[in-house]
Amino acid sequence: MHKVLSKLGFIHDDYLYLKCENGKITLLILVYVDNMAVAGLDGYRIISFKNALSEDFEITDLGELKFILGILVTRNHAN
């Protein structure tokens, strides 16, 4: 996984991978065992990442993040 994410331009610190463009974080990937949470500035970047990842791995998209590691995730869509 690390090799593929590095190839896609991500920097990392243990289980957190960041992709930056023009000094801004554009994608944030949290990896834990065989699961990952993906957050980004826009849907296009997220979809592009998933498509690129699917070239090397069989992936299943479970939709919007609701739980990770037993933690309930909520979003403020207005902000």
PDB file of N, CA and C in Angstrom:
ATOM      1  N   MET A   1       0.828  -1.192   0.000  1.00  0.00           N
ATOM      2  CA  MET A   1       0.000   0.000   0.000  1.00  0.00           C
ATOM      3  C   MET A   1       0.873   1.256   0.000  1.00  0.00           C
ATOM      4  N   HIS A   2       1.877   1.280   0.886  1.00  0.00           N
ATOM      5  CA  HIS A   2       2.738   2.461   0.995  1.00  0.00           C
ATOM      6  C   HIS A   2       3.365   2.820  -0.351  1.00  0.00           C
ATOM      7  N   LYS A   3       3.840   1.812  -1.070  1.00  0.00           N
ATOM      8  CA  LYS A   3       4.495   2.040  -2.365  1.00  0.00           C
ATOM      9  C   LYS A   3       3.526   2.682  -3.364  1.00  0.00           C
ATOM     10  N   VAL A   4       2.300   2.187  -3.397  1.00  0.00           N
ATOM     11  CA  VAL A   4       1.299   2.716  -4.339  1.00  0.00           C
ATOM     12  C   VAL A   4       0.934   4.156  -3.974  1.00  0.00           C
ATOM     13  N   LEU A   5       0.690   4.429  -2.688  1.00  0.00           N
ATOM     14  CA  LEU A   5       0.328   5.788  -2.278  1.00  0.00           C
ATOM     15  C   LEU A   5       1.492   6.757  -2.513  1.00  0.00           C
ATOM     16  N   SER A   6       2.714   6.314  -2.308  1.00  0.00           N
ATOM     17  CA  SER A   6       3.877   7.166  -2.597  1.00  0.00           C
ATOM     18  C   SER A   6       3.953   7.466  -4.081  1.00  0.00           C
ATOM     19  N   LYS A   7       3.674   6.455  -4.913  1.00  0.00           N
ATOM     20  CA  LYS A   7       3.672   6.630  -6.367  1.00  0.00           C
ATOM     21  C   LYS A   7       2.617   7.659  -6.792  1.00  0.00           C
ATOM     22  N   LEU A   8       1.509   7.731  -6.046  1.00  0.00           N
ATOM     23  CA  LEU A   8       0.436   8.672  -6.361  1.00  0.00           C
ATOM     24  C   LEU A   8       0.704  10.066  -5.790  1.00  0.00           C
ATOM     25  N   GLY A   9       1.862  10.279  -5.168  1.00  0.00           N
ATOM     26  CA  GLY A   9       2.249  11.605  -4.717  1.00  0.00           C
ATOM     27  C   GLY A   9       1.923  11.941  -3.283  1.00  0.00           C
ATOM     28  N   PHE A  10       1.628  10.927  -2.468  1.00  0.00           N
ATOM     29  CA  PHE A  10       1.275  11.167  -1.069  1.00  0.00           C
ATOM     30  C   PHE A  10       2.522  11.187  -0.198  1.00  0.00           C
ATOM     31  N   ILE A  11       2.513  12.052   0.825  1.00  0.00           N
ATOM     32  CA  ILE A  11       3.506  11.996   1.888  1.00  0.00           C
ATOM     33  C   ILE A  11       2.824  11.327   3.067  1.00  0.00           C
ATOM     34  N   HIS A  12       3.602  10.784   4.022  1.00  0.00           N
ATOM     35  CA  HIS A  12       2.930  10.018   5.064  1.00  0.00           C
ATOM     36  C   HIS A  12       3.634  10.125   6.404  1.00  0.00           C
ATOM     37  N   ASP A  13       2.865   9.795   7.415  1.00  0.00           N
ATOM     38  CA  ASP A  13       3.346   9.677   8.784  1.00  0.00           C
ATOM     39  C   ASP A  13       2.574   8.513   9.394  1.00  0.00           C
ATOM     40  N   ASP A  14       3.212   7.358   9.479  1.00  0.00           N
ATOM     41  CA  ASP A  14       2.582   6.129   9.951  1.00  0.00           C
ATOM     42  C   ASP A  14       1.339   5.798   9.131  1.00  0.00           C
ATOM     43  N   TYR A  15       0.143   6.003   9.658  1.00  0.00           N
ATOM     44  CA  TYR A  15      -1.085   5.589   8.985  1.00  0.00           C
ATOM     45  C   TYR A  15      -1.817   6.730   8.291  1.00  0.00           C
ATOM     46  N   LEU A  16      -1.239   7.911   8.300  1.00  0.00           N
ATOM     47  CA  LEU A  16      -1.870   9.086   7.698  1.00  0.00           C
ATOM     48  C   LEU A  16      -1.093   9.489   6.460  1.00  0.00           C
ATOM     49  N   TYR A  17      -1.801   9.596   5.337  1.00  0.00           N
ATOM     50  CA  TYR A  17      -1.194  10.008   4.071  1.00  0.00           C
ATOM     51  C   TYR A  17      -1.842  11.311   3.634  1.00  0.00           C
ATOM     52  N   LEU A  18      -1.025  12.238   3.178  1.00  0.00           N
ATOM     53  CA  LEU A  18      -1.511  13.543   2.723  1.00  0.00           C
ATOM     54  C   LEU A  18      -1.037  13.795   1.311  1.00  0.00           C
ATOM     55  N   LYS A  19      -1.906  14.396   0.515  1.00  0.00           N
ATOM     56  CA  LYS A  19      -1.510  14.856  -0.815  1.00  0.00           C
ATOM     57  C   LYS A  19      -1.684  16.360  -0.824  1.00  0.00           C
ATOM     58  N   CYS A  20      -0.628  17.055  -1.195  1.00  0.00           N
ATOM     59  CA  CYS A  20      -0.638  18.515  -1.191  1.00  0.00           C
ATOM     60  C   CYS A  20      -0.478  19.054  -2.597  1.00  0.00           C
ATOM     61  N   GLU A  21      -1.144  20.156  -2.870  1.00  0.00           N
ATOM     62  CA  GLU A  21      -1.005  20.888  -4.127  1.00  0.00           C
ATOM     63  C   GLU A  21      -0.972  22.365  -3.788  1.00  0.00           C
ATOM     64  N   ASN A  22       0.023  23.054  -4.271  1.00  0.00           N
ATOM     65  CA  ASN A  22       0.169  24.493  -4.027  1.00  0.00           C
ATOM     66  C   ASN A  22       0.110  24.837  -2.543  1.00  0.00           C
ATOM     67  N   GLY A  23       0.739  24.011  -1.705  1.00  0.00           N
ATOM     68  CA  GLY A  23       0.796  24.275  -0.273  1.00  0.00           C
ATOM     69  C   GLY A  23      -0.474  23.958   0.502  1.00  0.00           C
ATOM     70  N   LYS A  24      -1.484  23.377  -0.159  1.00  0.00           N
ATOM     71  CA  LYS A  24      -2.737  23.014   0.504  1.00  0.00           C
ATOM     72  C   LYS A  24      -2.905  21.504   0.504  1.00  0.00           C
ATOM     73  N   ILE A  25      -3.445  20.980   1.599  1.00  0.00           N
ATOM     74  CA  ILE A  25      -3.777  19.558   1.642  1.00  0.00           C
ATOM     75  C   ILE A  25      -5.035  19.352   0.803  1.00  0.00           C
ATOM     76  N   THR A  26      -4.924  18.511  -0.223  1.00  0.00           N
ATOM     77  CA  THR A  26      -6.060  18.265  -1.111  1.00  0.00           C
ATOM     78  C   THR A  26      -6.719  16.915  -0.859  1.00  0.00           C
ATOM     79  N   LEU A  27      -5.950  15.952  -0.335  1.00  0.00           N
ATOM     80  CA  LEU A  27      -6.497  14.644   0.025  1.00  0.00           C
ATOM     81  C   LEU A  27      -5.848  14.175   1.303  1.00  0.00           C
ATOM     82  N   LEU A  28      -6.635  13.543   2.143  1.00  0.00           N
ATOM     83  CA  LEU A  28      -6.175  12.986   3.406  1.00  0.00           C
ATOM     84  C   LEU A  28      -6.668  11.547   3.458  1.00  0.00           C
ATOM     85  N   ILE A  29      -5.748  10.605   3.650  1.00  0.00           N
ATOM     86  CA  ILE A  29      -6.094   9.190   3.679  1.00  0.00           C
ATOM     87  C   ILE A  29      -5.639   8.621   5.014  1.00  0.00           C
ATOM     88  N   LEU A  30      -6.536   8.008   5.742  1.00  0.00           N
ATOM     89  CA  LEU A  30      -6.216   7.332   6.987  1.00  0.00           C
ATOM     90  C   LEU A  30      -6.336   5.836   6.731  1.00  0.00           C
ATOM     91  N   VAL A  31      -5.236   5.096   6.925  1.00  0.00           N
ATOM     92  CA  VAL A  31      -5.199   3.662   6.632  1.00  0.00           C
ATOM     93  C   VAL A  31      -5.044   2.892   7.935  1.00  0.00           C
ATOM     94  N   TYR A  32      -5.894   1.886   8.116  1.00  0.00           N
ATOM     95  CA  TYR A  32      -5.780   1.013   9.275  1.00  0.00           C
ATOM     96  C   TYR A  32      -6.056  -0.421   8.824  1.00  0.00           C
ATOM     97  N   VAL A  33      -5.051  -1.259   8.857  1.00  0.00           N
ATOM     98  CA  VAL A  33      -5.094  -2.644   8.405  1.00  0.00           C
ATOM     99  C   VAL A  33      -5.585  -2.690   6.957  1.00  0.00           C
ATOM    100  N   ASP A  34      -6.812  -3.132   6.702  1.00  0.00           N
ATOM    101  CA  ASP A  34      -7.306  -3.188   5.326  1.00  0.00           C
ATOM    102  C   ASP A  34      -8.471  -2.222   5.099  1.00  0.00           C
ATOM    103  N   ASN A  35      -8.537  -1.176   5.907  1.00  0.00           N
ATOM    104  CA  ASN A  35      -9.581  -0.150   5.769  1.00  0.00           C
ATOM    105  C   ASN A  35      -8.931   1.205   5.587  1.00  0.00           C
ATOM    106  N   MET A  36      -9.653   2.097   4.955  1.00  0.00           N
ATOM    107  CA  MET A  36      -9.158   3.464   4.839  1.00  0.00           C
ATOM    108  C   MET A  36     -10.313   4.443   4.806  1.00  0.00           C
ATOM    109  N   ALA A  37     -10.043   5.614   5.325  1.00  0.00           N
ATOM    110  CA  ALA A  37     -10.984   6.731   5.253  1.00  0.00           C
ATOM    111  C   ALA A  37     -10.342   7.766   4.331  1.00  0.00           C
ATOM    112  N   VAL A  38     -11.138   8.321   3.435  1.00  0.00           N
ATOM    113  CA  VAL A  38     -10.645   9.275   2.445  1.00  0.00           C
ATOM    114  C   VAL A  38     -11.412  10.574   2.606  1.00  0.00           C
ATOM    115  N   ALA A  39     -10.688  11.685   2.698  1.00  0.00           N
ATOM    116  CA  ALA A  39     -11.307  13.012   2.765  1.00  0.00           C
ATOM    117  C   ALA A  39     -10.565  13.913   1.796  1.00  0.00           C
ATOM    118  N   GLY A  40     -11.292  14.826   1.178  1.00  0.00           N
ATOM    119  CA  GLY A  40     -10.652  15.711   0.214  1.00  0.00           C
ATOM    120  C   GLY A  40     -11.425  16.993   0.018  1.00  0.00           C
ATOM    121  N   LEU A  41     -10.784  17.898  -0.725  1.00  0.00           N
ATOM    122  CA  LEU A  41     -11.393  19.191  -0.994  1.00  0.00           C
ATOM    123  C   LEU A  41     -12.619  19.092  -1.889  1.00  0.00           C
ATOM    124  N   ASP A  42     -12.618  18.097  -2.769  1.00  0.00           N
ATOM    125  CA  ASP A  42     -13.770  17.956  -3.669  1.00  0.00           C
ATOM    126  C   ASP A  42     -13.925  16.504  -4.095  1.00  0.00           C
ATOM    127  N   GLY A  43     -15.095  16.194  -4.578  1.00  0.00           N
ATOM    128  CA  GLY A  43     -15.415  14.837  -4.989  1.00  0.00           C
ATOM    129  C   GLY A  43     -14.575  14.343  -6.143  1.00  0.00           C
ATOM    130  N   TYR A  44     -14.180  15.239  -7.045  1.00  0.00           N
ATOM    131  CA  TYR A  44     -13.372  14.836  -8.200  1.00  0.00           C
ATOM    132  C   TYR A  44     -12.055  14.218  -7.745  1.00  0.00           C
ATOM    133  N   ARG A  45     -11.378  14.854  -6.793  1.00  0.00           N
ATOM    134  CA  ARG A  45     -10.097  14.333  -6.303  1.00  0.00           C
ATOM    135  C   ARG A  45     -10.282  12.972  -5.623  1.00  0.00           C
ATOM    136  N   ILE A  46     -11.357  12.825  -4.873  1.00  0.00           N
ATOM    137  CA  ILE A  46     -11.621  11.559  -4.180  1.00  0.00           C
ATOM    138  C   ILE A  46     -11.888  10.452  -5.195  1.00  0.00           C
ATOM    139  N   ILE A  47     -12.714  10.720  -6.179  1.00  0.00           N
ATOM    140  CA  ILE A  47     -13.026   9.721  -7.207  1.00  0.00           C
ATOM    141  C   ILE A  47     -11.779   9.364  -8.002  1.00  0.00           C
ATOM    142  N   SER A  48     -10.973  10.362  -8.354  1.00  0.00           N
ATOM    143  CA  SER A  48      -9.730  10.102  -9.087  1.00  0.00           C
ATOM    144  C   SER A  48      -8.796   9.216  -8.278  1.00  0.00           C
ATOM    145  N   PHE A  49      -8.704   9.481  -6.967  1.00  0.00           N
ATOM    146  CA  PHE A  49      -7.870   8.658  -6.103  1.00  0.00           C
ATOM    147  C   PHE A  49      -8.376   7.220  -6.072  1.00  0.00           C
ATOM    148  N   LYS A  50      -9.672   7.039  -5.895  1.00  0.00           N
ATOM    149  CA  LYS A  50     -10.235   5.691  -5.841  1.00  0.00           C
ATOM    150  C   LYS A  50      -9.995   4.944  -7.150  1.00  0.00           C
ATOM    151  N   ASN A  51     -10.139   5.636  -8.267  1.00  0.00           N
ATOM    152  CA  ASN A  51      -9.885   5.005  -9.568  1.00  0.00           C
ATOM    153  C   ASN A  51      -8.425   4.590  -9.700  1.00  0.00           C
ATOM    154  N   ALA A  52      -7.510   5.464  -9.274  1.00  0.00           N
ATOM    155  CA  ALA A  52      -6.087   5.139  -9.349  1.00  0.00           C
ATOM    156  C   ALA A  52      -5.755   3.962  -8.435  1.00  0.00           C
ATOM    157  N   LEU A  53      -6.325   3.937  -7.251  1.00  0.00           N
ATOM    158  CA  LEU A  53      -6.065   2.855  -6.305  1.00  0.00           C
ATOM    159  C   LEU A  53      -6.608   1.527  -6.829  1.00  0.00           C
ATOM    160  N   SER A  54      -7.739   1.571  -7.503  1.00  0.00           N
ATOM    161  CA  SER A  54      -8.358   0.339  -8.007  1.00  0.00           C
ATOM    162  C   SER A  54      -7.548  -0.292  -9.135  1.00  0.00           C
ATOM    163  N   GLU A  55      -6.582   0.438  -9.696  1.00  0.00           N
ATOM    164  CA  GLU A  55      -5.715  -0.150 -10.714  1.00  0.00           C
ATOM    165  C   GLU A  55      -4.735  -1.145 -10.093  1.00  0.00           C
ATOM    166  N   ASP A  56      -4.434  -0.995  -8.801  1.00  0.00           N
ATOM    167  CA  ASP A  56      -3.483  -1.876  -8.124  1.00  0.00           C
ATOM    168  C   ASP A  56      -4.133  -2.808  -7.104  1.00  0.00           C
ATOM    169  N   PHE A  57      -5.327  -2.466  -6.627  1.00  0.00           N
ATOM    170  CA  PHE A  57      -5.991  -3.244  -5.586  1.00  0.00           C
ATOM    171  C   PHE A  57      -7.461  -3.422  -5.918  1.00  0.00           C
ATOM    172  N   GLU A  58      -8.036  -4.523  -5.429  1.00  0.00           N
ATOM    173  CA  GLU A  58      -9.481  -4.689  -5.493  1.00  0.00           C
ATOM    174  C   GLU A  58     -10.042  -3.907  -4.305  1.00  0.00           C
ATOM    175  N   ILE A  59     -10.903  -2.940  -4.589  1.00  0.00           N
ATOM    176  CA  ILE A  59     -11.430  -2.105  -3.511  1.00  0.00           C
ATOM    177  C   ILE A  59     -12.955  -2.162  -3.496  1.00  0.00           C
ATOM    178  N   THR A  60     -13.513  -1.869  -2.340  1.00  0.00           N
ATOM    179  CA  THR A  60     -14.959  -1.756  -2.158  1.00  0.00           C
ATOM    180  C   THR A  60     -15.233  -0.411  -1.521  1.00  0.00           C
ATOM    181  N   ASP A  61     -16.053   0.395  -2.163  1.00  0.00           N
ATOM    182  CA  ASP A  61     -16.417   1.709  -1.636  1.00  0.00           C
ATOM    183  C   ASP A  61     -17.675   1.540  -0.790  1.00  0.00           C
ATOM    184  N   LEU A  62     -17.561   1.830   0.505  1.00  0.00           N
ATOM    185  CA  LEU A  62     -18.698   1.684   1.411  1.00  0.00           C
ATOM    186  C   LEU A  62     -19.472   2.984   1.597  1.00  0.00           C
ATOM    187  N   GLY A  63     -19.166   3.990   0.787  1.00  0.00           N
ATOM    188  CA  GLY A  63     -19.901   5.244   0.852  1.00  0.00           C
ATOM    189  C   GLY A  63     -19.365   6.182   1.910  1.00  0.00           C
ATOM    190  N   GLU A  64     -20.222   7.095   2.321  1.00  0.00           N
ATOM    191  CA  GLU A  64     -19.828   8.110   3.296  1.00  0.00           C
ATOM    192  C   GLU A  64     -19.425   7.479   4.624  1.00  0.00           C
ATOM    193  N   LEU A  65     -18.346   7.979   5.192  1.00  0.00           N
ATOM    194  CA  LEU A  65     -17.822   7.454   6.453  1.00  0.00           C
ATOM    195  C   LEU A  65     -18.805   7.717   7.593  1.00  0.00           C
ATOM    196  N   LYS A  66     -19.129   6.639   8.310  1.00  0.00           N
ATOM    197  CA  LYS A  66     -20.033   6.756   9.461  1.00  0.00           C
ATOM    198  C   LYS A  66     -19.343   6.323  10.748  1.00  0.00           C
ATOM    199  N   PHE A  67     -18.536   5.268  10.656  1.00  0.00           N
ATOM    200  CA  PHE A  67     -17.781   4.753  11.811  1.00  0.00           C
ATOM    201  C   PHE A  67     -16.370   4.416  11.355  1.00  0.00           C
ATOM    202  N   ILE A  68     -15.393   4.647  12.220  1.00  0.00           N
ATOM    203  CA  ILE A  68     -14.036   4.176  11.989  1.00  0.00           C
ATOM    204  C   ILE A  68     -13.414   3.881  13.350  1.00  0.00           C
ATOM    205  N   LEU A  69     -12.888   2.670  13.486  1.00  0.00           N
ATOM    206  CA  LEU A  69     -12.270   2.226  14.737  1.00  0.00           C
ATOM    207  C   LEU A  69     -13.202   2.425  15.931  1.00  0.00           C
ATOM    208  N   GLY A  70     -14.507   2.190  15.709  1.00  0.00           N
ATOM    209  CA  GLY A  70     -15.484   2.306  16.784  1.00  0.00           C
ATOM    210  C   GLY A  70     -15.907   3.728  17.109  1.00  0.00           C
ATOM    211  N   ILE A  71     -15.456   4.692  16.310  1.00  0.00           N
ATOM    212  CA  ILE A  71     -15.778   6.106  16.548  1.00  0.00           C
ATOM    213  C   ILE A  71     -16.862   6.537  15.564  1.00  0.00           C
ATOM    214  N   LEU A  72     -17.925   7.138  16.086  1.00  0.00           N
ATOM    215  CA  LEU A  72     -18.987   7.674  15.248  1.00  0.00           C
ATOM    216  C   LEU A  72     -18.496   8.973  14.608  1.00  0.00           C
ATOM    217  N   VAL A  73     -18.633   9.064  13.292  1.00  0.00           N
ATOM    218  CA  VAL A  73     -18.192  10.241  12.544  1.00  0.00           C
ATOM    219  C   VAL A  73     -19.416  11.027  12.080  1.00  0.00           C
ATOM    220  N   THR A  74     -19.452  12.313  12.394  1.00  0.00           N
ATOM    221  CA  THR A  74     -20.517  13.185  11.900  1.00  0.00           C
ATOM    222  C   THR A  74     -19.889  14.316  11.119  1.00  0.00           C
ATOM    223  N   ARG A  75     -20.654  14.905  10.237  1.00  0.00           N
ATOM    224  CA  ARG A  75     -20.156  15.997   9.397  1.00  0.00           C
ATOM    225  C   ARG A  75     -21.099  17.174   9.486  1.00  0.00           C
ATOM    226  N   ASN A  76     -20.531  18.356   9.388  1.00  0.00           N
ATOM    227  CA  ASN A  76     -21.305  19.584   9.291  1.00  0.00           C
ATOM    228  C   ASN A  76     -21.246  20.015   7.827  1.00  0.00           C
ATOM    229  N   HIS A  77     -22.239  19.611   7.055  1.00  0.00           N
ATOM    230  CA  HIS A  77     -22.221  19.872   5.613  1.00  0.00           C
ATOM    231  C   HIS A  77     -22.273  21.366   5.290  1.00  0.00           C
ATOM    232  N   ALA A  78     -22.849  22.151   6.177  1.00  0.00           N
ATOM    233  CA  ALA A  78     -22.929  23.606   5.926  1.00  0.00           C
ATOM    234  C   ALA A  78     -21.541  24.248   5.930  1.00  0.00           C
ATOM    235  N   ASN A  79     -20.634  23.709   6.712  1.00  0.00           N
ATOM    236  CA  ASN A  79     -19.281  24.260   6.786  1.00  0.00           C
ATOM    237  C   ASN A  79     -18.343  23.524   5.872  1.00  0.00           C
TER     238      ASN A  79
END
